[in-house]
Amino acid sequence: MFKRFFTIFLLLAGVTAFGTLGYYIIEGWNAFDSFYMTVITVSTVGFGEVHELSTAGRLFTSFLLITSIGSFAYAISTFTNYLIGGEYTLSLKEYKLNKKLYKMKDHIIICGFGRVGRQVAEDLLFCEKDFVIIEKDEIIISEYSKNPKYIFIKGDSTKDNVFERAEITKARAVISCLPEDADNVYVVLTAREKCSNIEIIVRATSSEAVSKLKMAGANQVILPAAIGGSHMASLITNPTVSEFMNMVKTEGTTGVNIESISFNELPAEFQNKTIGELEVKRQTGVTIIGFKTPSGEYIINPDWSLKVLPQSQLFVLGSTEQIENFNKLFEIHQ
């Protein structure tokens, strides 16, 4: 739209300059009178002549009127279309969207808004995490964009320019939920090329695609069908355990929750201390059930003598109230 307005501006400026110069040379008028005569001629407002025109001046006026009326009519129709035809509203929405995207930082980019993508968005909303959705289906966008918390970018996730609009260099992670494995491979390759250190989590529909997606650069590959099948089987083989595990969530307002906390999230006075010295059980009621060492090794039920060092991570289990107390004690903002 900006290019169109710029073209119109150049066209009208050219016609005005041509008319002003013509009256200045042919009639010998000053610059202001020549400019004014050009404006009232081009706009066809019907005002009288500034000065009496010579024969050559009248011929020039006729030529100017014939050649410029189309340009002026085009400019008027374009502005009218912009204001009344809906383009103004679309431009305003686009401006607001770009403004939101520019301000975003540490957000998550969701590629595809099918059933899996919608579930991801709902969970991220509940956790109060910022995210942006890339979707190419206009019907889906129209249906779900009524929710002001959903920020949509219309486009193909496999294209470079879409990730640039989503501010991928400032994003925390990319979650690809496209239904086709080949498309997810393209998303991983594109995202990894745009931002080499970003976390990429991708959905796979077949076990054969897992290795390809990891080779392409995915950090985590999820097989929803395999997870669902295993869970259904566990409901038969270990129903009591499965029921308990259903209570254990990484988010929620009821039941039991799991939270993770990295070394950098801890206040300075709690860093480089042992797990025992943190005294989280006594102070908040939560239980530390896991520990990730700086080398990336996971330890279940870690010993209290383990030190919380840089690049390590704690995993705690507790009720919603206990988790809230834990976050308050260590000043963690979720």
Protein backbone atom coordinates (compact mmCIF):
# COMPACT_ATOMS: atom_id res chain seq x y z
CA MET A 1 0.00 0.00 0.00
CA PHE A 2 2.87 2.36 0.76
CA LYS A 3 4.29 1.83 -2.75
CA ARG A 4 0.92 2.68 -4.27
CA PHE A 5 0.64 5.92 -2.28
CA PHE A 6 4.23 6.80 -3.18
CA THR A 7 3.45 6.27 -6.87
CA ILE A 8 0.38 8.50 -6.60
CA PHE A 9 2.40 11.18 -4.85
CA LEU A 10 5.06 11.13 -7.57
CA LEU A 11 2.39 11.26 -10.28
CA LEU A 12 0.55 14.24 -8.79
CA ALA A 13 3.82 16.02 -7.97
CA GLY A 14 4.97 15.55 -11.57
CA VAL A 15 1.71 16.89 -13.02
CA THR A 16 1.78 19.88 -10.65
CA ALA A 17 5.40 20.68 -11.45
CA PHE A 18 4.72 20.37 -15.19
CA GLY A 19 1.70 22.71 -15.01
CA THR A 20 3.45 25.25 -12.80
CA LEU A 21 6.47 25.37 -15.12
CA GLY A 22 4.22 25.66 -18.17
CA TYR A 23 2.29 28.70 -16.89
CA TYR A 24 5.52 30.24 -15.64
CA ILE A 25 7.12 30.01 -19.10
CA ILE A 26 4.09 30.57 -21.37
CA GLU A 27 2.29 33.28 -19.40
CA GLY A 28 5.21 34.70 -17.46
CA TRP A 29 3.32 34.47 -14.14
CA ASN A 30 5.06 34.18 -10.79
CA ALA A 31 5.56 30.76 -9.22
CA PHE A 32 2.60 31.00 -6.81
CA ASP A 33 0.06 32.05 -9.47
CA SER A 34 1.34 29.36 -11.81
CA PHE A 35 1.04 26.73 -9.05
CA TYR A 36 -2.48 27.89 -8.06
CA MET A 37 -3.69 27.84 -11.67
CA THR A 38 -2.32 24.32 -12.06
CA VAL A 39 -4.12 23.10 -8.92
CA ILE A 40 -7.54 24.51 -9.87
CA THR A 41 -7.16 23.18 -13.40
CA VAL A 42 -6.09 19.66 -12.42
CA SER A 43 -8.73 19.40 -9.66
CA THR A 44 -11.47 20.74 -11.99
CA VAL A 45 -12.97 22.85 -9.19
CA GLY A 46 -14.23 25.43 -11.69
CA PHE A 47 -12.68 28.56 -10.23
CA GLY A 48 -11.97 31.46 -12.61
CA GLU A 49 -8.63 32.09 -14.25
CA VAL A 50 -5.96 33.75 -12.11
CA HIS A 51 -5.08 36.11 -14.95
CA GLU A 52 -6.40 36.40 -18.48
CA LEU A 53 -4.92 33.60 -20.54
CA SER A 54 -3.30 34.01 -23.93
CA THR A 55 -4.18 31.66 -26.79
CA ALA A 56 -1.09 29.61 -26.05
CA GLY A 57 -2.06 29.54 -22.37
CA ARG A 58 -5.55 28.26 -23.15
CA LEU A 59 -4.13 25.54 -25.38
CA PHE A 60 -1.75 24.55 -22.59
CA THR A 61 -4.62 24.55 -20.05
CA SER A 62 -6.67 22.27 -22.30
CA PHE A 63 -3.73 19.90 -22.73
CA LEU A 64 -3.03 19.94 -18.98
CA LEU A 65 -6.68 19.22 -18.16
CA ILE A 66 -6.95 16.30 -20.59
CA THR A 67 -3.70 14.67 -19.53
CA SER A 68 -4.07 15.16 -15.78
CA ILE A 69 -7.73 14.36 -15.15
CA GLY A 70 -7.03 10.62 -15.26
CA SER A 71 -4.20 10.94 -12.73
CA PHE A 72 -6.33 12.99 -10.35
CA ALA A 73 -9.29 10.59 -10.67
CA TYR A 74 -6.98 7.62 -9.99
CA ALA A 75 -5.64 9.31 -6.84
CA ILE A 76 -9.16 10.08 -5.54
CA SER A 77 -10.43 6.54 -6.21
CA THR A 78 -7.38 5.01 -4.53
CA PHE A 79 -7.81 7.08 -1.36
CA THR A 80 -11.56 6.38 -1.31
CA ASN A 81 -10.95 2.66 -1.74
CA TYR A 82 -8.41 2.72 1.05
CA LEU A 83 -10.75 4.42 3.52
CA ILE A 84 -14.09 2.84 2.58
CA GLY A 85 -13.15 -0.42 0.88
CA GLY A 86 -11.59 -1.98 3.97
CA GLU A 87 -7.92 -1.54 3.10
CA TYR A 88 -7.50 1.00 5.89
CA THR A 89 -8.77 -1.53 8.45
CA LEU A 90 -6.45 -4.23 7.09
CA SER A 91 -3.49 -1.84 7.14
CA LEU A 92 -4.29 -0.83 10.71
CA LYS A 93 -4.49 -4.49 11.79
CA GLU A 94 -1.21 -5.20 10.05
CA TYR A 95 0.42 -2.24 11.80
CA LYS A 96 -0.84 -3.35 15.23
CA LEU A 97 0.32 -6.93 14.56
CA ASN A 98 3.80 -5.83 13.54
CA LYS A 99 3.97 -3.62 16.62
CA LYS A 100 3.09 -6.57 18.88
CA LEU A 101 5.57 -8.84 17.15
CA TYR A 102 8.36 -6.28 17.42
CA LYS A 103 7.86 -6.05 21.20
CA MET A 104 7.84 -9.82 21.70
CA LYS A 105 10.80 -11.51 23.34
CA ASP A 106 11.38 -15.08 24.59
CA HIS A 107 8.12 -16.10 22.93
CA ILE A 108 7.20 -19.43 21.37
CA ILE A 109 6.42 -19.83 17.67
CA ILE A 110 3.69 -22.40 16.94
CA CYS A 111 3.66 -23.68 13.35
CA GLY A 112 0.26 -25.05 12.38
CA PHE A 113 -2.99 -24.66 14.27
CA GLY A 114 -4.64 -28.04 13.93
CA ARG A 115 -5.69 -30.17 16.90
CA VAL A 116 -2.14 -30.50 18.24
CA GLY A 117 -1.34 -26.82 17.68
CA ARG A 118 -4.53 -25.74 19.45
CA GLN A 119 -3.70 -27.89 22.47
CA VAL A 120 -0.20 -26.42 22.61
CA ALA A 121 -1.67 -22.90 22.48
CA GLU A 122 -4.19 -23.63 25.26
CA ASP A 123 -1.46 -24.98 27.54
CA LEU A 124 0.84 -22.04 26.84
CA LEU A 125 -2.03 -19.65 27.53
CA PHE A 126 -2.64 -21.32 30.86
CA CYS A 127 1.06 -20.97 31.72
CA GLU A 128 0.92 -17.31 30.65
CA LYS A 129 3.61 -17.77 28.01
CA ASP A 130 3.76 -15.46 25.00
CA PHE A 131 3.40 -17.15 21.64
CA VAL A 132 2.64 -16.44 18.00
CA ILE A 133 0.90 -18.80 15.59
CA ILE A 134 1.89 -19.30 11.94
CA GLU A 135 -1.07 -20.63 9.93
CA LYS A 136 -1.89 -20.48 6.22
CA ASP A 137 -5.55 -21.50 6.37
CA GLU A 138 -7.68 -18.34 6.29
CA ILE A 139 -10.74 -20.17 7.63
CA ILE A 140 -8.87 -21.30 10.76
CA ILE A 141 -7.42 -17.83 11.29
CA SER A 142 -10.84 -16.22 10.88
CA GLU A 143 -12.40 -18.65 13.37
CA TYR A 144 -9.82 -18.39 16.14
CA SER A 145 -8.52 -14.83 15.74
CA LYS A 146 -11.58 -13.63 17.68
CA ASN A 147 -9.59 -14.58 20.77
CA PRO A 148 -7.43 -11.48 21.43
CA LYS A 149 -4.76 -13.64 23.06
CA TYR A 150 -4.10 -15.51 19.81
CA ILE A 151 -1.62 -13.70 17.57
CA PHE A 152 -1.72 -15.09 14.03
CA ILE A 153 0.69 -14.64 11.16
CA LYS A 154 -0.84 -15.77 7.88
CA GLY A 155 1.73 -17.67 5.88
CA ASP A 156 3.54 -20.90 5.13
CA SER A 157 5.81 -22.09 7.96
CA THR A 158 8.26 -23.56 5.45
CA LYS A 159 9.06 -20.11 4.00
CA ASP A 160 11.90 -17.94 5.30
CA ASN A 161 10.07 -14.61 5.42
CA VAL A 162 7.38 -15.91 7.78
CA PHE A 163 9.91 -16.70 10.50
CA GLU A 164 11.43 -13.26 10.07
CA ARG A 165 8.01 -11.70 10.70
CA ALA A 166 7.63 -13.90 13.79
CA GLU A 167 10.87 -12.40 15.18
CA ILE A 168 12.52 -15.82 15.42
CA THR A 169 15.86 -14.32 16.49
CA LYS A 170 14.20 -13.11 19.71
CA ALA A 171 12.06 -16.24 20.24
CA ARG A 172 12.60 -18.89 22.89
CA ALA A 173 11.40 -21.94 20.92
CA VAL A 174 9.67 -23.20 17.80
CA ILE A 175 6.97 -25.88 18.06
CA SER A 176 6.02 -27.41 14.71
CA CYS A 177 2.65 -29.18 14.65
CA LEU A 178 2.13 -29.62 10.90
CA PRO A 179 0.39 -32.86 9.86
CA GLU A 180 2.99 -33.87 7.24
CA ASP A 181 6.47 -35.03 8.27
CA ALA A 182 8.04 -33.57 5.12
CA ASP A 183 6.65 -30.13 5.97
CA ASN A 184 7.97 -30.43 9.52
CA VAL A 185 11.44 -31.23 8.16
CA TYR A 186 11.31 -28.02 6.10
CA VAL A 187 10.22 -26.06 9.18
CA VAL A 188 13.11 -27.44 11.23
CA LEU A 189 15.65 -26.67 8.50
CA THR A 190 14.30 -23.15 7.97
CA ALA A 191 14.08 -22.35 11.68
CA ARG A 192 17.56 -23.72 12.39
CA GLU A 193 19.01 -21.69 9.52
CA LYS A 194 17.38 -18.50 10.82
CA CYS A 195 18.38 -19.06 14.45
CA SER A 196 21.03 -21.68 15.16
CA ASN A 197 20.55 -21.84 18.94
CA ILE A 198 16.75 -21.90 19.18
CA GLU A 199 14.92 -24.82 20.81
CA ILE A 200 12.91 -26.76 18.19
CA ILE A 201 10.21 -29.23 19.20
CA VAL A 202 8.43 -31.01 16.38
CA ARG A 203 5.56 -33.44 15.92
CA ALA A 204 6.07 -36.63 13.90
CA THR A 205 3.43 -38.92 12.46
CA SER A 206 5.69 -41.94 11.88
CA SER A 207 8.63 -43.46 13.72
CA GLU A 208 10.65 -43.44 10.47
CA ALA A 209 10.56 -39.63 10.46
CA VAL A 210 12.07 -39.24 13.94
CA SER A 211 15.69 -39.72 12.87
CA LYS A 212 15.25 -37.45 9.84
CA LEU A 213 13.78 -34.67 11.97
CA LYS A 214 16.62 -34.94 14.47
CA MET A 215 19.17 -34.90 11.67
CA ALA A 216 17.48 -31.77 10.32
CA GLY A 217 18.09 -30.06 13.66
CA ALA A 218 15.10 -30.77 15.94
CA ASN A 219 15.90 -30.87 19.66
CA GLN A 220 12.85 -32.94 20.55
CA VAL A 221 10.58 -35.09 18.36
CA ILE A 222 7.17 -36.09 19.70
CA LEU A 223 5.05 -38.98 18.43
CA PRO A 224 1.51 -38.19 19.65
CA ALA A 225 0.15 -41.54 18.46
CA ALA A 226 2.83 -43.52 20.31
CA ILE A 227 2.33 -41.48 23.50
CA GLY A 228 -1.43 -41.94 23.33
CA GLY A 229 -1.12 -45.69 22.69
CA SER A 230 1.30 -46.20 25.58
CA HIS A 231 -0.98 -44.28 27.91
CA MET A 232 -4.01 -46.35 26.88
CA ALA A 233 -2.06 -49.57 27.49
CA SER A 234 -0.91 -48.35 30.92
CA LEU A 235 -4.54 -47.78 31.91
CA ILE A 236 -4.97 -51.56 31.63
CA THR A 237 -1.62 -52.79 32.93
CA ASN A 238 -1.09 -50.21 35.71
CA PRO A 239 -4.39 -48.39 36.23
CA THR A 240 -3.54 -47.01 39.70
CA VAL A 241 -0.16 -45.67 38.57
CA SER A 242 -1.74 -44.14 35.47
CA GLU A 243 -4.41 -42.46 37.55
CA PHE A 244 -1.74 -40.94 39.77
CA MET A 245 0.32 -39.83 36.77
CA ASN A 246 -2.76 -38.13 35.33
CA MET A 247 -2.75 -35.96 38.45
CA VAL A 248 0.88 -35.01 37.89
CA LYS A 249 0.98 -32.10 35.49
CA THR A 250 3.46 -29.44 34.58
CA GLU A 251 0.59 -26.97 34.78
CA GLY A 252 -2.81 -26.80 36.41
CA THR A 253 -4.79 -25.37 39.25
CA THR A 254 -5.46 -28.68 40.99
CA GLY A 255 -3.67 -31.95 41.58
CA VAL A 256 0.08 -32.37 41.67
CA ASN A 257 2.44 -30.27 39.59
CA ILE A 258 6.04 -30.52 38.45
CA GLU A 259 8.18 -27.42 38.07
CA SER A 260 11.72 -26.98 36.81
CA ILE A 261 14.13 -24.30 37.96
CA SER A 262 17.51 -23.59 36.42
CA PHE A 263 20.62 -22.28 38.16
CA ASN A 264 20.19 -18.83 36.58
CA GLU A 265 16.62 -18.54 37.94
CA LEU A 266 17.78 -18.92 41.53
CA PRO A 267 18.60 -15.76 43.52
CA ALA A 268 22.34 -15.29 44.07
CA GLU A 269 22.16 -16.29 47.74
CA PHE A 270 20.80 -19.75 46.77
CA GLN A 271 23.27 -20.49 43.98
CA ASN A 272 26.18 -22.91 44.49
CA LYS A 273 24.47 -24.41 47.54
CA THR A 274 23.70 -28.08 48.11
CA ILE A 275 20.16 -29.38 47.67
CA GLY A 276 19.99 -29.96 51.41
CA GLU A 277 20.99 -26.37 52.17
CA LEU A 278 18.07 -25.07 50.08
CA GLU A 279 15.64 -26.65 52.61
CA VAL A 280 12.79 -26.52 50.11
CA LYS A 281 10.88 -29.38 51.74
CA ARG A 282 10.79 -27.69 55.13
CA GLN A 283 10.03 -24.20 53.82
CA THR A 284 7.59 -24.91 50.98
CA GLY A 285 6.54 -28.56 51.17
CA VAL A 286 7.76 -29.46 47.65
CA THR A 287 10.01 -32.43 47.00
CA ILE A 288 13.03 -32.32 44.73
CA ILE A 289 12.55 -35.42 42.55
CA GLY A 290 15.15 -34.79 39.86
CA PHE A 291 18.40 -33.05 39.08
CA LYS A 292 20.09 -32.25 35.78
CA THR A 293 23.86 -31.96 36.10
CA PRO A 294 25.90 -29.33 34.20
CA SER A 295 26.99 -32.13 31.83
CA GLY A 296 23.36 -32.95 30.97
CA GLU A 297 22.96 -36.12 33.06
CA TYR A 298 19.60 -36.64 34.78
CA ILE A 299 19.51 -37.96 38.36
CA ILE A 300 16.29 -39.26 39.93
CA ASN A 301 15.84 -38.60 43.68
CA PRO A 302 19.17 -36.74 43.93
CA ASP A 303 21.30 -36.87 47.06
CA TRP A 304 21.05 -33.79 49.29
CA SER A 305 24.80 -33.30 49.08
CA LEU A 306 24.65 -32.42 45.36
CA LYS A 307 25.53 -28.79 44.63
CA VAL A 308 23.41 -26.57 42.40
CA LEU A 309 26.04 -25.36 39.95
CA PRO A 310 25.88 -23.25 36.75
CA GLN A 311 23.96 -24.99 33.90
CA SER A 312 22.29 -27.40 36.33
CA GLN A 313 18.54 -27.70 36.86
CA LEU A 314 16.17 -28.84 39.62
CA PHE A 315 12.82 -30.62 39.23
CA VAL A 316 10.34 -30.29 42.08
CA LEU A 317 7.02 -32.03 42.79
CA GLY A 318 4.22 -30.55 44.84
CA SER A 319 0.66 -29.30 45.03
CA THR A 320 -0.33 -26.04 43.36
CA GLU A 321 -0.10 -24.22 46.68
CA GLN A 322 3.32 -25.72 47.44
CA ILE A 323 4.61 -24.78 44.00
CA GLU A 324 3.37 -21.21 44.52
CA ASN A 325 5.20 -21.06 47.87
CA PHE A 326 8.31 -22.42 46.17
CA ASN A 327 8.15 -19.74 43.45
CA LYS A 328 7.67 -16.99 46.05
CA LEU A 329 10.58 -18.21 48.18
CA PHE A 330 12.98 -18.25 45.23
CA GLU A 331 11.43 -15.22 43.50
CA ILE A 332 10.62 -17.16 40.35
CA HIS A 333 8.26 -15.47 37.92
CA GLN A 334 6.45 -17.99 35.75
